[in-house]
Amino acid sequence: MKTQPVENGSIMPTLPMMPTVGEQRKTPQPKKEPSRMEAIRSAKARITRRSSLQKQREALKG
């Protein structure tokens, strides 16, 4: 088995450094409720997806 020369380095990216203990962390912002238009859009998307899957299953049944 061959070893990789040090100057070539690793192909895989490394994880970023973990934050140190003394660092101040930002408090997460409270999540806003979705606007009415966004709620309607996501509800329509769910309905469309559900009906599409039902049609797909029916087509597979024959």
N, C-alpha and C. Protein backbone atom coordinates (compact mmCIF):
# COMPACT_ATOMS: atom_id res chain seq x y z
N MET A 1 0.85 -1.18 0.00
CA MET A 1 0.00 0.00 0.00
C MET A 1 0.89 1.24 0.00
N LYS A 2 0.59 2.18 -0.89
CA LYS A 2 1.40 3.39 -1.00
C LYS A 2 0.87 4.46 -0.06
N THR A 3 1.77 5.28 0.45
CA THR A 3 1.35 6.40 1.29
C THR A 3 1.41 7.67 0.47
N GLN A 4 0.56 8.59 0.79
CA GLN A 4 0.49 9.84 0.06
C GLN A 4 1.54 10.82 0.59
N PRO A 5 2.29 11.47 -0.29
CA PRO A 5 3.28 12.45 0.18
C PRO A 5 2.60 13.59 0.94
N VAL A 6 3.28 14.12 1.93
CA VAL A 6 2.72 15.17 2.78
C VAL A 6 2.40 16.42 1.97
N GLU A 7 3.24 16.76 0.99
CA GLU A 7 3.02 18.01 0.25
C GLU A 7 1.74 17.99 -0.58
N ASN A 8 1.25 16.80 -0.95
CA ASN A 8 0.00 16.72 -1.71
C ASN A 8 -1.21 17.01 -0.84
N GLY A 9 -1.14 16.71 0.41
CA GLY A 9 -2.25 16.96 1.32
C GLY A 9 -3.39 15.99 1.10
N SER A 10 -4.45 16.23 1.78
CA SER A 10 -5.61 15.34 1.71
C SER A 10 -6.58 15.84 0.64
N ILE A 11 -7.28 14.91 0.02
CA ILE A 11 -8.29 15.27 -0.98
C ILE A 11 -9.57 15.72 -0.28
N MET A 12 -9.91 15.04 0.82
CA MET A 12 -11.15 15.34 1.55
C MET A 12 -11.01 16.66 2.30
N PRO A 13 -12.04 17.51 2.23
CA PRO A 13 -11.98 18.76 3.00
C PRO A 13 -12.10 18.46 4.49
N THR A 14 -11.50 19.31 5.29
CA THR A 14 -11.57 19.10 6.73
C THR A 14 -12.70 19.94 7.31
N LEU A 15 -13.14 19.57 8.49
CA LEU A 15 -14.20 20.32 9.16
C LEU A 15 -13.64 21.64 9.68
N PRO A 16 -14.47 22.67 9.77
CA PRO A 16 -13.99 23.94 10.32
C PRO A 16 -13.68 23.79 11.81
N MET A 17 -12.88 24.70 12.31
CA MET A 17 -12.51 24.64 13.72
C MET A 17 -13.74 24.85 14.59
N MET A 18 -13.79 24.13 15.70
CA MET A 18 -14.89 24.29 16.65
C MET A 18 -14.72 25.62 17.37
N PRO A 19 -15.82 26.28 17.71
CA PRO A 19 -15.69 27.56 18.43
C PRO A 19 -15.07 27.33 19.81
N THR A 20 -14.27 28.28 20.23
CA THR A 20 -13.61 28.13 21.52
C THR A 20 -14.60 28.42 22.64
N VAL A 21 -14.26 27.99 23.83
CA VAL A 21 -15.16 28.11 24.97
C VAL A 21 -15.40 29.58 25.32
N GLY A 22 -14.39 30.41 25.25
CA GLY A 22 -14.50 31.80 25.66
C GLY A 22 -15.26 32.69 24.69
N GLU A 23 -15.52 32.22 23.49
CA GLU A 23 -16.18 33.05 22.48
C GLU A 23 -17.64 33.28 22.81
N GLN A 24 -18.11 34.48 22.49
CA GLN A 24 -19.53 34.79 22.66
C GLN A 24 -20.31 34.20 21.50
N ARG A 25 -21.39 33.51 21.80
CA ARG A 25 -22.23 32.97 20.74
C ARG A 25 -23.39 33.91 20.51
N LYS A 26 -23.84 33.97 19.25
CA LYS A 26 -25.00 34.79 18.93
C LYS A 26 -26.25 34.02 19.34
N THR A 27 -27.17 34.71 19.97
CA THR A 27 -28.42 34.04 20.34
C THR A 27 -29.26 33.89 19.08
N PRO A 28 -29.89 32.73 18.89
CA PRO A 28 -30.68 32.54 17.68
C PRO A 28 -31.90 33.45 17.67
N GLN A 29 -32.19 33.98 16.50
CA GLN A 29 -33.33 34.87 16.36
C GLN A 29 -34.61 34.05 16.43
N PRO A 30 -35.65 34.57 17.08
CA PRO A 30 -36.92 33.82 17.10
C PRO A 30 -37.48 33.73 15.69
N LYS A 31 -38.01 32.55 15.34
CA LYS A 31 -38.51 32.35 13.99
C LYS A 31 -39.84 33.08 13.82
N LYS A 32 -39.95 33.78 12.70
CA LYS A 32 -41.19 34.48 12.41
C LYS A 32 -42.21 33.48 11.89
N GLU A 33 -43.47 33.74 12.18
CA GLU A 33 -44.52 32.91 11.61
C GLU A 33 -44.60 33.24 10.13
N PRO A 34 -44.85 32.23 9.29
CA PRO A 34 -44.92 32.51 7.85
C PRO A 34 -46.10 33.43 7.54
N SER A 35 -45.90 34.28 6.56
CA SER A 35 -46.98 35.19 6.18
C SER A 35 -48.12 34.38 5.59
N ARG A 36 -49.27 35.01 5.46
CA ARG A 36 -50.45 34.31 4.94
C ARG A 36 -50.19 33.80 3.53
N MET A 37 -49.56 34.61 2.70
CA MET A 37 -49.28 34.20 1.32
C MET A 37 -48.35 32.99 1.30
N GLU A 38 -47.35 32.99 2.17
CA GLU A 38 -46.42 31.86 2.24
C GLU A 38 -47.13 30.61 2.74
N ALA A 39 -48.03 30.76 3.71
CA ALA A 39 -48.78 29.61 4.23
C ALA A 39 -49.69 29.03 3.15
N ILE A 40 -50.33 29.90 2.38
CA ILE A 40 -51.20 29.44 1.29
C ILE A 40 -50.38 28.72 0.23
N ARG A 41 -49.23 29.28 -0.12
CA ARG A 41 -48.38 28.66 -1.14
C ARG A 41 -47.92 27.27 -0.72
N SER A 42 -47.50 27.13 0.54
CA SER A 42 -47.03 25.82 1.00
C SER A 42 -48.18 24.83 1.11
N ALA A 43 -49.37 25.29 1.49
CA ALA A 43 -50.53 24.40 1.56
C ALA A 43 -50.91 23.90 0.18
N LYS A 44 -50.90 24.79 -0.80
CA LYS A 44 -51.21 24.39 -2.18
C LYS A 44 -50.17 23.40 -2.70
N ALA A 45 -48.92 23.61 -2.34
CA ALA A 45 -47.85 22.70 -2.78
C ALA A 45 -48.07 21.32 -2.18
N ARG A 46 -48.46 21.26 -0.89
CA ARG A 46 -48.74 19.97 -0.26
C ARG A 46 -49.89 19.25 -0.94
N ILE A 47 -50.96 19.98 -1.23
CA ILE A 47 -52.13 19.39 -1.89
C ILE A 47 -51.76 18.87 -3.27
N THR A 48 -51.03 19.67 -4.03
CA THR A 48 -50.62 19.28 -5.37
C THR A 48 -49.73 18.04 -5.33
N ARG A 49 -48.78 18.02 -4.40
CA ARG A 49 -47.88 16.88 -4.27
C ARG A 49 -48.65 15.62 -3.91
N ARG A 50 -49.59 15.75 -2.97
CA ARG A 50 -50.38 14.60 -2.54
C ARG A 50 -51.20 14.03 -3.69
N SER A 51 -51.87 14.91 -4.44
CA SER A 51 -52.70 14.43 -5.56
C SER A 51 -51.84 13.83 -6.66
N SER A 52 -50.67 14.39 -6.87
CA SER A 52 -49.77 13.85 -7.88
C SER A 52 -49.32 12.44 -7.51
N LEU A 53 -49.01 12.24 -6.23
CA LEU A 53 -48.60 10.91 -5.79
C LEU A 53 -49.75 9.91 -5.89
N GLN A 54 -50.97 10.36 -5.60
CA GLN A 54 -52.13 9.48 -5.72
C GLN A 54 -52.33 9.06 -7.17
N LYS A 55 -52.19 10.01 -8.09
CA LYS A 55 -52.32 9.70 -9.52
C LYS A 55 -51.24 8.72 -9.95
N GLN A 56 -50.04 8.92 -9.45
CA GLN A 56 -48.92 8.05 -9.80
C GLN A 56 -49.17 6.62 -9.32
N ARG A 57 -49.69 6.48 -8.09
CA ARG A 57 -50.01 5.15 -7.56
C ARG A 57 -51.11 4.48 -8.37
N GLU A 58 -52.13 5.25 -8.74
CA GLU A 58 -53.22 4.70 -9.55
C GLU A 58 -52.70 4.22 -10.90
N ALA A 59 -51.80 4.97 -11.50
CA ALA A 59 -51.24 4.60 -12.80
C ALA A 59 -50.42 3.31 -12.68
N LEU A 60 -49.73 3.14 -11.57
CA LEU A 60 -48.93 1.93 -11.38
C LEU A 60 -49.80 0.70 -11.16
N LYS A 61 -50.97 0.90 -10.54
CA LYS A 61 -51.88 -0.22 -10.31
C LYS A 61 -52.39 -0.78 -11.63
N GLY A 62 -52.55 0.07 -12.61
CA GLY A 62 -52.93 -0.42 -13.92
C GLY A 62 -54.25 0.05 -14.31
